[in-house]
PDB file of N, CA and C in Angstrom:
ATOM      1  N   MET A   1      99.532 -80.867   4.223  1.00  0.00           N
ATOM      2  CA  MET A   1     100.248 -79.707   3.754  1.00  0.00           C
ATOM      3  C   MET A   1      99.544 -79.157   2.519  1.00  0.00           C
ATOM      4  N   LEU A   2      99.329 -77.870   2.517  1.00  0.00           N
ATOM      5  CA  LEU A   2      98.624 -77.237   1.412  1.00  0.00           C
ATOM      6  C   LEU A   2      99.533 -76.246   0.719  1.00  0.00           C
ATOM      7  N   GLY A   3      99.511 -76.256  -0.596  1.00  0.00           N
ATOM      8  CA  GLY A   3     100.293 -75.290  -1.342  1.00  0.00           C
ATOM      9  C   GLY A   3     100.809 -75.881  -2.623  1.00  0.00           C
ATOM     10  N   PRO A   4     101.362 -75.037  -3.455  1.00  0.00           N
ATOM     11  CA  PRO A   4     101.908 -75.521  -4.712  1.00  0.00           C
ATOM     12  C   PRO A   4     103.132 -76.398  -4.462  1.00  0.00           C
ATOM     13  N   GLN A   5     103.369 -77.300  -5.352  1.00  0.00           N
ATOM     14  CA  GLN A   5     104.524 -78.192  -5.233  1.00  0.00           C
ATOM     15  C   GLN A   5     105.784 -77.438  -5.599  1.00  0.00           C
ATOM     16  N   PRO A   6     106.937 -77.744  -5.104  1.00  0.00           N
ATOM     17  CA  PRO A   6     107.187 -78.841  -4.176  1.00  0.00           C
ATOM     18  C   PRO A   6     107.146 -78.427  -2.713  1.00  0.00           C
ATOM     19  N   VAL A   7     107.063 -77.136  -2.395  1.00  0.00           N
ATOM     20  CA  VAL A   7     107.116 -76.700  -1.000  1.00  0.00           C
ATOM     21  C   VAL A   7     105.745 -76.184  -0.567  1.00  0.00           C
ATOM     22  N   PRO A   8     105.104 -76.847   0.399  1.00  0.00           N
ATOM     23  CA  PRO A   8     103.801 -76.375   0.855  1.00  0.00           C
ATOM     24  C   PRO A   8     103.907 -75.011   1.535  1.00  0.00           C
ATOM     25  N   ALA A   9     102.905 -74.185   1.342  1.00  0.00           N
ATOM     26  CA  ALA A   9     102.887 -72.856   1.945  1.00  0.00           C
ATOM     27  C   ALA A   9     102.269 -72.866   3.336  1.00  0.00           C
ATOM     28  N   VAL A  10     101.352 -73.811   3.582  1.00  0.00           N
ATOM     29  CA  VAL A  10     100.687 -73.939   4.878  1.00  0.00           C
ATOM     30  C   VAL A  10     100.705 -75.406   5.268  1.00  0.00           C
ATOM     31  N   GLY A  11     101.167 -75.693   6.479  1.00  0.00           N
ATOM     32  CA  GLY A  11     101.159 -77.060   6.999  1.00  0.00           C
ATOM     33  C   GLY A  11     100.116 -77.174   8.090  1.00  0.00           C
ATOM     34  N   LEU A  12      99.245 -78.164   7.984  1.00  0.00           N
ATOM     35  CA  LEU A  12      98.145 -78.338   8.924  1.00  0.00           C
ATOM     36  C   LEU A  12      98.042 -79.780   9.385  1.00  0.00           C
ATOM     37  N   ALA A  13      97.543 -79.953  10.592  1.00  0.00           N
ATOM     38  CA  ALA A  13      97.127 -81.260  11.097  1.00  0.00           C
ATOM     39  C   ALA A  13      95.892 -81.002  11.942  1.00  0.00           C
ATOM     40  N   PHE A  14      94.969 -81.963  11.969  1.00  0.00           N
ATOM     41  CA  PHE A  14      93.814 -81.769  12.839  1.00  0.00           C
ATOM     42  C   PHE A  14      93.370 -83.088  13.434  1.00  0.00           C
ATOM     43  N   ASP A  15      92.752 -82.988  14.604  1.00  0.00           N
ATOM     44  CA  ASP A  15      92.224 -84.141  15.319  1.00  0.00           C
ATOM     45  C   ASP A  15      90.705 -84.015  15.322  1.00  0.00           C
ATOM     46  N   PRO A  16      90.013 -84.856  14.540  1.00  0.00           N
ATOM     47  CA  PRO A  16      88.561 -84.722  14.460  1.00  0.00           C
ATOM     48  C   PRO A  16      87.851 -85.057  15.770  1.00  0.00           C
ATOM     49  N   ASP A  17      88.496 -85.802  16.652  1.00  0.00           N
ATOM     50  CA  ASP A  17      87.864 -86.152  17.926  1.00  0.00           C
ATOM     51  C   ASP A  17      87.847 -84.974  18.896  1.00  0.00           C
ATOM     52  N   THR A  18      88.937 -84.225  18.965  1.00  0.00           N
ATOM     53  CA  THR A  18      89.038 -83.113  19.919  1.00  0.00           C
ATOM     54  C   THR A  18      88.728 -81.756  19.291  1.00  0.00           C
ATOM     55  N   GLY A  19      88.785 -81.673  17.966  1.00  0.00           N
ATOM     56  CA  GLY A  19      88.585 -80.399  17.285  1.00  0.00           C
ATOM     57  C   GLY A  19      89.836 -79.546  17.200  1.00  0.00           C
ATOM     58  N   LEU A  20      90.974 -80.101  17.627  1.00  0.00           N
ATOM     59  CA  LEU A  20      92.224 -79.342  17.603  1.00  0.00           C
ATOM     60  C   LEU A  20      92.752 -79.230  16.175  1.00  0.00           C
ATOM     61  N   VAL A  21      92.976 -78.008  15.739  1.00  0.00           N
ATOM     62  CA  VAL A  21      93.595 -77.728  14.442  1.00  0.00           C
ATOM     63  C   VAL A  21      94.984 -77.181  14.733  1.00  0.00           C
ATOM     64  N   SER A  22      96.005 -77.877  14.265  1.00  0.00           N
ATOM     65  CA  SER A  22      97.387 -77.434  14.460  1.00  0.00           C
ATOM     66  C   SER A  22      97.896 -76.839  13.162  1.00  0.00           C
ATOM     67  N   VAL A  23      98.205 -75.558  13.201  1.00  0.00           N
ATOM     68  CA  VAL A  23      98.823 -74.896  12.054  1.00  0.00           C
ATOM     69  C   VAL A  23     100.324 -75.016  12.276  1.00  0.00           C
ATOM     70  N   LEU A  24     100.968 -75.834  11.468  1.00  0.00           N
ATOM     71  CA  LEU A  24     102.371 -76.174  11.656  1.00  0.00           C
ATOM     72  C   LEU A  24     103.317 -75.230  10.934  1.00  0.00           C
ATOM     73  N   LYS A  25     102.843 -74.675   9.821  1.00  0.00           N
ATOM     74  CA  LYS A  25     103.716 -73.846   8.988  1.00  0.00           C
ATOM     75  C   LYS A  25     102.883 -72.806   8.256  1.00  0.00           C
ATOM     76  N   VAL A  26     103.369 -71.575   8.250  1.00  0.00           N
ATOM     77  CA  VAL A  26     102.784 -70.498   7.445  1.00  0.00           C
ATOM     78  C   VAL A  26     103.958 -69.793   6.777  1.00  0.00           C
ATOM     79  N   SER A  27     104.174 -70.076   5.495  1.00  0.00           N
ATOM     80  CA  SER A  27     105.332 -69.521   4.790  1.00  0.00           C
ATOM     81  C   SER A  27     105.238 -68.014   4.594  1.00  0.00           C
ATOM     82  N   ILE A  28     104.045 -67.541   4.279  1.00  0.00           N
ATOM     83  CA  ILE A  28     103.838 -66.118   4.014  1.00  0.00           C
ATOM     84  C   ILE A  28     102.716 -65.637   4.926  1.00  0.00           C
ATOM     85  N   PRO A  29     102.997 -64.685   5.819  1.00  0.00           N
ATOM     86  CA  PRO A  29     101.926 -64.205   6.697  1.00  0.00           C
ATOM     87  C   PRO A  29     100.860 -63.461   5.904  1.00  0.00           C
ATOM     88  N   PRO A  30      99.634 -63.392   6.446  1.00  0.00           N
ATOM     89  CA  PRO A  30      98.605 -62.619   5.756  1.00  0.00           C
ATOM     90  C   PRO A  30      98.967 -61.137   5.741  1.00  0.00           C
ATOM     91  N   ARG A  31      98.378 -60.414   4.816  1.00  0.00           N
ATOM     92  CA  ARG A  31      98.618 -58.971   4.727  1.00  0.00           C
ATOM     93  C   ARG A  31      98.115 -58.275   5.989  1.00  0.00           C
ATOM     94  N   ALA A  32      98.590 -57.066   6.233  1.00  0.00           N
ATOM     95  CA  ALA A  32      98.156 -56.278   7.394  1.00  0.00           C
ATOM     96  C   ALA A  32      96.636 -56.134   7.381  1.00  0.00           C
ATOM     97  N   GLY A  33      96.019 -56.325   8.535  1.00  0.00           N
ATOM     98  CA  GLY A  33      94.573 -56.204   8.650  1.00  0.00           C
ATOM     99  C   GLY A  33      93.801 -57.408   8.157  1.00  0.00           C
ATOM    100  N   MET A  34      94.516 -58.479   7.841  1.00  0.00           N
ATOM    101  CA  MET A  34      93.881 -59.684   7.312  1.00  0.00           C
ATOM    102  C   MET A  34      94.279 -60.888   8.167  1.00  0.00           C
ATOM    103  N   ARG A  35      93.549 -61.977   7.998  1.00  0.00           N
ATOM    104  CA  ARG A  35      93.880 -63.257   8.629  1.00  0.00           C
ATOM    105  C   ARG A  35      93.605 -64.361   7.615  1.00  0.00           C
ATOM    106  N   TYR A  36      94.141 -65.533   7.862  1.00  0.00           N
ATOM    107  CA  TYR A  36      93.799 -66.700   7.058  1.00  0.00           C
ATOM    108  C   TYR A  36      92.633 -67.422   7.716  1.00  0.00           C
ATOM    109  N   ASP A  37      91.717 -67.926   6.918  1.00  0.00           N
ATOM    110  CA  ASP A  37      90.629 -68.768   7.403  1.00  0.00           C
ATOM    111  C   ASP A  37      90.752 -70.129   6.740  1.00  0.00           C
ATOM    112  N   LEU A  38      90.575 -71.167   7.554  1.00  0.00           N
ATOM    113  CA  LEU A  38      90.607 -72.547   7.078  1.00  0.00           C
ATOM    114  C   LEU A  38      89.174 -73.037   6.931  1.00  0.00           C
ATOM    115  N   TRP A  39      88.877 -73.585   5.765  1.00  0.00           N
ATOM    116  CA  TRP A  39      87.542 -74.084   5.441  1.00  0.00           C
ATOM    117  C   TRP A  39      87.640 -75.550   5.062  1.00  0.00           C
ATOM    118  N   ILE A  40      86.577 -76.288   5.344  1.00  0.00           N
ATOM    119  CA  ILE A  40      86.487 -77.670   4.901  1.00  0.00           C
ATOM    120  C   ILE A  40      85.297 -77.764   3.951  1.00  0.00           C
ATOM    121  N   VAL A  41      85.485 -78.446   2.847  1.00  0.00           N
ATOM    122  CA  VAL A  41      84.436 -78.602   1.841  1.00  0.00           C
ATOM    123  C   VAL A  41      84.200 -80.096   1.666  1.00  0.00           C
ATOM    124  N   THR A  42      82.957 -80.526   1.918  1.00  0.00           N
ATOM    125  CA  THR A  42      82.606 -81.937   1.742  1.00  0.00           C
ATOM    126  C   THR A  42      81.328 -82.032   0.921  1.00  0.00           C
ATOM    127  N   ALA A  43      81.146 -83.161   0.266  1.00  0.00           N
ATOM    128  CA  ALA A  43      79.940 -83.372  -0.536  1.00  0.00           C
ATOM    129  C   ALA A  43      78.701 -83.381   0.355  1.00  0.00           C
ATOM    130  N   GLN A  44      78.822 -83.925   1.561  1.00  0.00           N
ATOM    131  CA  GLN A  44      77.659 -84.064   2.443  1.00  0.00           C
ATOM    132  C   GLN A  44      77.380 -82.824   3.286  1.00  0.00           C
ATOM    133  N   ALA A  45      78.412 -82.117   3.719  1.00  0.00           N
ATOM    134  CA  ALA A  45      78.222 -80.988   4.646  1.00  0.00           C
ATOM    135  C   ALA A  45      78.416 -79.626   3.986  1.00  0.00           C
ATOM    136  N   GLY A  46      78.866 -79.602   2.739  1.00  0.00           N
ATOM    137  CA  GLY A  46      79.107 -78.331   2.065  1.00  0.00           C
ATOM    138  C   GLY A  46      80.371 -77.657   2.570  1.00  0.00           C
ATOM    139  N   THR A  47      80.416 -76.335   2.492  1.00  0.00           N
ATOM    140  CA  THR A  47      81.582 -75.553   2.916  1.00  0.00           C
ATOM    141  C   THR A  47      81.348 -75.043   4.328  1.00  0.00           C
ATOM    142  N   ARG A  48      82.308 -75.334   5.212  1.00  0.00           N
ATOM    143  CA  ARG A  48      82.178 -74.941   6.622  1.00  0.00           C
ATOM    144  C   ARG A  48      83.496 -74.355   7.112  1.00  0.00           C
ATOM    145  N   HIS A  49      83.407 -73.357   7.986  1.00  0.00           N
ATOM    146  CA  HIS A  49      84.582 -72.699   8.564  1.00  0.00           C
ATOM    147  C   HIS A  49      85.136 -73.539   9.708  1.00  0.00           C
ATOM    148  N   LEU A  50      86.460 -73.782   9.697  1.00  0.00           N
ATOM    149  CA  LEU A  50      87.103 -74.525  10.783  1.00  0.00           C
ATOM    150  C   LEU A  50      87.848 -73.622  11.750  1.00  0.00           C
ATOM    151  N   ALA A  51      88.636 -72.680  11.243  1.00  0.00           N
ATOM    152  CA  ALA A  51      89.461 -71.856  12.139  1.00  0.00           C
ATOM    153  C   ALA A  51      90.012 -70.659  11.388  1.00  0.00           C
ATOM    154  N   GLY A  52      90.341 -69.621  12.140  1.00  0.00           N
ATOM    155  CA  GLY A  52      91.057 -68.468  11.616  1.00  0.00           C
ATOM    156  C   GLY A  52      92.435 -68.418  12.254  1.00  0.00           C
ATOM    157  N   PHE A  53      93.451 -67.992  11.496  1.00  0.00           N
ATOM    158  CA  PHE A  53      94.814 -67.952  12.035  1.00  0.00           C
ATOM    159  C   PHE A  53      95.661 -66.936  11.292  1.00  0.00           C
ATOM    160  N   ARG A  54      96.707 -66.482  11.959  1.00  0.00           N
ATOM    161  CA  ARG A  54      97.692 -65.573  11.356  1.00  0.00           C
ATOM    162  C   ARG A  54      99.081 -66.203  11.356  1.00  0.00           C
ATOM    163  N   GLU A  55      99.294 -67.173  12.220  1.00  0.00           N
ATOM    164  CA  GLU A  55     100.629 -67.755  12.411  1.00  0.00           C
ATOM    165  C   GLU A  55     100.477 -69.185  12.903  1.00  0.00           C
ATOM    166  N   PRO A  56     101.565 -69.948  12.923  1.00  0.00           N
ATOM    167  CA  PRO A  56     101.487 -71.309  13.456  1.00  0.00           C
ATOM    168  C   PRO A  56     100.985 -71.303  14.898  1.00  0.00           C
ATOM    169  N   GLY A  57     100.277 -72.351  15.255  1.00  0.00           N
ATOM    170  CA  GLY A  57      99.753 -72.487  16.610  1.00  0.00           C
ATOM    171  C   GLY A  57      98.621 -73.491  16.647  1.00  0.00           C
ATOM    172  N   ALA A  58      98.031 -73.640  17.826  1.00  0.00           N
ATOM    173  CA  ALA A  58      96.919 -74.565  18.037  1.00  0.00           C
ATOM    174  C   ALA A  58      95.621 -73.770  18.118  1.00  0.00           C
ATOM    175  N   TYR A  59      94.624 -74.232  17.404  1.00  0.00           N
ATOM    176  CA  TYR A  59      93.324 -73.573  17.348  1.00  0.00           C
ATOM    177  C   TYR A  59      92.248 -74.641  17.527  1.00  0.00           C
ATOM    178  N   VAL A  60      91.152 -74.304  18.188  1.00  0.00           N
ATOM    179  CA  VAL A  60      90.078 -75.266  18.424  1.00  0.00           C
ATOM    180  C   VAL A  60      88.908 -74.956  17.498  1.00  0.00           C
ATOM    181  N   SER A  61      88.418 -76.004  16.840  1.00  0.00           N
ATOM    182  CA  SER A  61      87.253 -75.892  15.967  1.00  0.00           C
ATOM    183  C   SER A  61      86.089 -76.630  16.615  1.00  0.00           C
ATOM    184  N   ASP A  62      84.993 -75.918  16.873  1.00  0.00           N
ATOM    185  CA  ASP A  62      83.800 -76.564  17.420  1.00  0.00           C
ATOM    186  C   ASP A  62      83.127 -77.457  16.384  1.00  0.00           C
ATOM    187  N   LEU A  63      83.333 -77.175  15.117  1.00  0.00           N
ATOM    188  CA  LEU A  63      82.693 -77.936  14.047  1.00  0.00           C
ATOM    189  C   LEU A  63      83.345 -79.298  13.825  1.00  0.00           C
ATOM    190  N   LEU A  64      84.639 -79.367  13.925  1.00  0.00           N
ATOM    191  CA  LEU A  64      85.377 -80.573  13.541  1.00  0.00           C
ATOM    192  C   LEU A  64      84.867 -81.847  14.213  1.00  0.00           C
ATOM    193  N   PRO A  65      84.627 -81.881  15.529  1.00  0.00           N
ATOM    194  CA  PRO A  65      84.136 -83.117  16.142  1.00  0.00           C
ATOM    195  C   PRO A  65      82.742 -83.531  15.656  1.00  0.00           C
ATOM    196  N   ALA A  66      81.978 -82.604  15.097  1.00  0.00           N
ATOM    197  CA  ALA A  66      80.631 -82.921  14.620  1.00  0.00           C
ATOM    198  C   ALA A  66      80.640 -83.578  13.240  1.00  0.00           C
ATOM    199  N   LEU A  67      81.761 -83.526  12.539  1.00  0.00           N
ATOM    200  CA  LEU A  67      81.841 -84.132  11.209  1.00  0.00           C
ATOM    201  C   LEU A  67      82.026 -85.640  11.336  1.00  0.00           C
ATOM    202  N   THR A  68      81.337 -86.375  10.494  1.00  0.00           N
ATOM    203  CA  THR A  68      81.420 -87.836  10.519  1.00  0.00           C
ATOM    204  C   THR A  68      82.630 -88.309   9.711  1.00  0.00           C
ATOM    205  N   PRO A  69      83.083 -89.545   9.954  1.00  0.00           N
ATOM    206  CA  PRO A  69      84.168 -90.085   9.128  1.00  0.00           C
ATOM    207  C   PRO A  69      83.832 -90.065   7.636  1.00  0.00           C
ATOM    208  N   ALA A  70      82.574 -90.294   7.287  1.00  0.00           N
ATOM    209  CA  ALA A  70      82.178 -90.261   5.873  1.00  0.00           C
ATOM    210  C   ALA A  70      82.335 -88.857   5.298  1.00  0.00           C
ATOM    211  N   GLN A  71      82.001 -87.837   6.086  1.00  0.00           N
ATOM    212  CA  GLN A  71      82.160 -86.462   5.616  1.00  0.00           C
ATOM    213  C   GLN A  71      83.631 -86.104   5.460  1.00  0.00           C
ATOM    214  N   LEU A  72      84.465 -86.601   6.354  1.00  0.00           N
ATOM    215  CA  LEU A  72      85.896 -86.299   6.288  1.00  0.00           C
ATOM    216  C   LEU A  72      86.603 -87.063   5.171  1.00  0.00           C
ATOM    217  N   ALA A  73      86.009 -88.170   4.722  1.00  0.00           N
ATOM    218  CA  ALA A  73      86.668 -89.029   3.730  1.00  0.00           C
ATOM    219  C   ALA A  73      86.913 -88.315   2.406  1.00  0.00           C
ATOM    220  N   ASP A  74      86.021 -87.409   2.029  1.00  0.00           N
ATOM    221  CA  ASP A  74      86.178 -86.715   0.737  1.00  0.00           C
ATOM    222  C   ASP A  74      86.461 -85.228   0.928  1.00  0.00           C
ATOM    223  N   ALA A  75      86.975 -84.861   2.091  1.00  0.00           N
ATOM    224  CA  ALA A  75      87.108 -83.447   2.445  1.00  0.00           C
ATOM    225  C   ALA A  75      88.238 -82.749   1.696  1.00  0.00           C
ATOM    226  N   LEU A  76      87.934 -81.562   1.222  1.00  0.00           N
ATOM    227  CA  LEU A  76      88.909 -80.651   0.637  1.00  0.00           C
ATOM    228  C   LEU A  76      89.103 -79.518   1.635  1.00  0.00           C
ATOM    229  N   LEU A  77      90.341 -79.159   1.910  1.00  0.00           N
ATOM    230  CA  LEU A  77      90.651 -78.035   2.788  1.00  0.00           C
ATOM    231  C   LEU A  77      91.078 -76.856   1.930  1.00  0.00           C
ATOM    232  N   ILE A  78      90.564 -75.682   2.249  1.00  0.00           N
ATOM    233  CA  ILE A  78      90.993 -74.479   1.544  1.00  0.00           C
ATOM    234  C   ILE A  78      91.333 -73.396   2.562  1.00  0.00           C
ATOM    235  N   VAL A  79      92.254 -72.535   2.194  1.00  0.00           N
ATOM    236  CA  VAL A  79      92.644 -71.395   3.020  1.00  0.00           C
ATOM    237  C   VAL A  79      92.379 -70.132   2.215  1.00  0.00           C
ATOM    238  N   THR A  80      91.651 -69.203   2.840  1.00  0.00           N
ATOM    239  CA  THR A  80      91.378 -67.906   2.230  1.00  0.00           C
ATOM    240  C   THR A  80      91.950 -66.812   3.117  1.00  0.00           C
ATOM    241  N   GLU A  81      92.094 -65.631   2.560  1.00  0.00           N
ATOM    242  CA  GLU A  81      92.502 -64.467   3.342  1.00  0.00           C
ATOM    243  C   GLU A  81      91.259 -63.607   3.546  1.00  0.00           C
ATOM    244  N   GLU A  82      90.944 -63.319   4.818  1.00  0.00           N
ATOM    245  CA  GLU A  82      89.731 -62.584   5.174  1.00  0.00           C
ATOM    246  C   GLU A  82      90.101 -61.403   6.070  1.00  0.00           C
ATOM    247  N   PRO A  83      89.263 -60.362   6.134  1.00  0.00           N
ATOM    248  CA  PRO A  83      89.558 -59.207   6.986  1.00  0.00           C
ATOM    249  C   PRO A  83      89.554 -59.579   8.468  1.00  0.00           C
ATOM    250  N   ASP A  84      90.540 -59.073   9.216  1.00  0.00           N
ATOM    251  CA  ASP A  84      90.552 -59.227  10.672  1.00  0.00           C
ATOM    252  C   ASP A  84      89.270 -58.639  11.237  1.00  0.00           C
ATOM    253  N   GLY A  85      88.747 -59.255  12.276  1.00  0.00           N
ATOM    254  CA  GLY A  85      87.566 -58.727  12.943  1.00  0.00           C
ATOM    255  C   GLY A  85      86.257 -59.110  12.299  1.00  0.00           C
ATOM    256  N   SER A  86      86.303 -59.673  11.100  1.00  0.00           N
ATOM    257  CA  SER A  86      85.058 -60.088  10.459  1.00  0.00           C
ATOM    258  C   SER A  86      84.629 -61.439  11.025  1.00  0.00           C
ATOM    259  N   THR A  87      83.334 -61.666  11.041  1.00  0.00           N
ATOM    260  CA  THR A  87      82.792 -62.944  11.480  1.00  0.00           C
ATOM    261  C   THR A  87      82.776 -63.872  10.279  1.00  0.00           C
ATOM    262  N   PRO A  88      83.258 -65.111  10.451  1.00  0.00           N
ATOM    263  CA  PRO A  88      83.235 -66.034   9.311  1.00  0.00           C
ATOM    264  C   PRO A  88      81.818 -66.196   8.758  1.00  0.00           C
ATOM    265  N   ALA A  89      81.697 -66.085   7.472  1.00  0.00           N
ATOM    266  CA  ALA A  89      80.412 -66.229   6.790  1.00  0.00           C
ATOM    267  C   ALA A  89      80.122 -67.715   6.576  1.00  0.00           C
ATOM    268  N   ASP A  90      79.011 -67.985   5.909  1.00  0.00           N
ATOM    269  CA  ASP A  90      78.668 -69.368   5.583  1.00  0.00           C
ATOM    270  C   ASP A  90      79.589 -69.932   4.515  1.00  0.00           C
ATOM    271  N   ALA A  91      80.272 -69.065   3.817  1.00  0.00           N
ATOM    272  CA  ALA A  91      81.205 -69.479   2.770  1.00  0.00           C
ATOM    273  C   ALA A  91      82.310 -68.429   2.701  1.00  0.00           C
ATOM    274  N   PRO A  92      83.455 -68.794   2.165  1.00  0.00           N
ATOM    275  CA  PRO A  92      84.551 -67.827   2.066  1.00  0.00           C
ATOM    276  C   PRO A  92      84.149 -66.614   1.232  1.00  0.00           C
ATOM    277  N   THR A  93      84.643 -65.446   1.643  1.00  0.00           N
ATOM    278  CA  THR A  93      84.456 -64.251   0.825  1.00  0.00           C
ATOM    279  C   THR A  93      85.726 -63.945   0.040  1.00  0.00           C
ATOM    280  N   GLY A  94      86.863 -64.452   0.526  1.00  0.00           N
ATOM    281  CA  GLY A  94      88.134 -64.277  -0.163  1.00  0.00           C
ATOM    282  C   GLY A  94      88.390 -65.404  -1.146  1.00  0.00           C
ATOM    283  N   THR A  95      89.280 -65.152  -2.075  1.00  0.00           N
ATOM    284  CA  THR A  95      89.677 -66.167  -3.046  1.00  0.00           C
ATOM    285  C   THR A  95      90.511 -67.237  -2.354  1.00  0.00           C
ATOM    286  N   PRO A  96      90.255 -68.524  -2.633  1.00  0.00           N
ATOM    287  CA  PRO A  96      91.106 -69.568  -2.055  1.00  0.00           C
ATOM    288  C   PRO A  96      92.564 -69.384  -2.494  1.00  0.00           C
ATOM    289  N   LEU A  97      93.457 -69.326  -1.508  1.00  0.00           N
ATOM    290  CA  LEU A  97      94.886 -69.171  -1.780  1.00  0.00           C
ATOM    291  C   LEU A  97      95.600 -70.508  -1.821  1.00  0.00           C
ATOM    292  N   TYR A  98      95.173 -71.414  -0.968  1.00  0.00           N
ATOM    293  CA  TYR A  98      95.784 -72.740  -0.856  1.00  0.00           C
ATOM    294  C   TYR A  98      94.670 -73.763  -0.735  1.00  0.00           C
ATOM    295  N   SER A  99      94.919 -74.962  -1.248  1.00  0.00           N
ATOM    296  CA  SER A  99      93.933 -76.033  -1.114  1.00  0.00           C
ATOM    297  C   SER A  99      94.631 -77.380  -1.163  1.00  0.00           C
ATOM    298  N   GLY A 100      93.959 -78.368  -0.606  1.00  0.00           N
ATOM    299  CA  GLY A 100      94.478 -79.730  -0.627  1.00  0.00           C
ATOM    300  C   GLY A 100      93.479 -80.673   0.010  1.00  0.00           C
ATOM    301  N   MET A 101      93.601 -81.932  -0.307  1.00  0.00           N
ATOM    302  CA  MET A 101      92.713 -82.943   0.256  1.00  0.00           C
ATOM    303  C   MET A 101      93.129 -83.251   1.687  1.00  0.00           C
ATOM    304  N   ALA A 102      92.135 -83.494   2.538  1.00  0.00           N
ATOM    305  CA  ALA A 102      92.408 -83.959   3.900  1.00  0.00           C
ATOM    306  C   ALA A 102      92.817 -85.425   3.803  1.00  0.00           C
ATOM    307  N   VAL A 103      93.929 -85.777   4.408  1.00  0.00           N
ATOM    308  CA  VAL A 103      94.443 -87.146   4.344  1.00  0.00           C
ATOM    309  C   VAL A 103      94.469 -87.708   5.754  1.00  0.00           C
ATOM    310  N   ARG A 104      93.801 -88.835   5.936  1.00  0.00           N
ATOM    311  CA  ARG A 104      93.785 -89.483   7.250  1.00  0.00           C
ATOM    312  C   ARG A 104      95.040 -90.324   7.405  1.00  0.00           C
ATOM    313  N   ARG A 105      95.705 -90.164   8.547  1.00  0.00           N
ATOM    314  CA  ARG A 105      96.920 -90.951   8.809  1.00  0.00           C
ATOM    315  C   ARG A 105      96.690 -91.891   9.945  1.00  0.00           C
TER     316      ARG A 105
END
């Protein structure tokens, strides 16, 4: 769950084996003409795009299965707001709105 305490603004779960990213909760939808992008930041792999979303649902990330357990161990997740229709860049262009550490369960 990512967001300020005590109530997370975005709830996420992901399966690194299948690449499935589950967006469980979105408290505030993105502005008109925008979407949220989920990024993973690791010391070994840098900043990489995982998925774009506007609402709760299941999304597939081609990158996630390629990340090693060591890369996921120190992973920070961030959510930015990006223009609809834009192709994800090598790094976020929007300001990070939400962030949190990836926790393995």
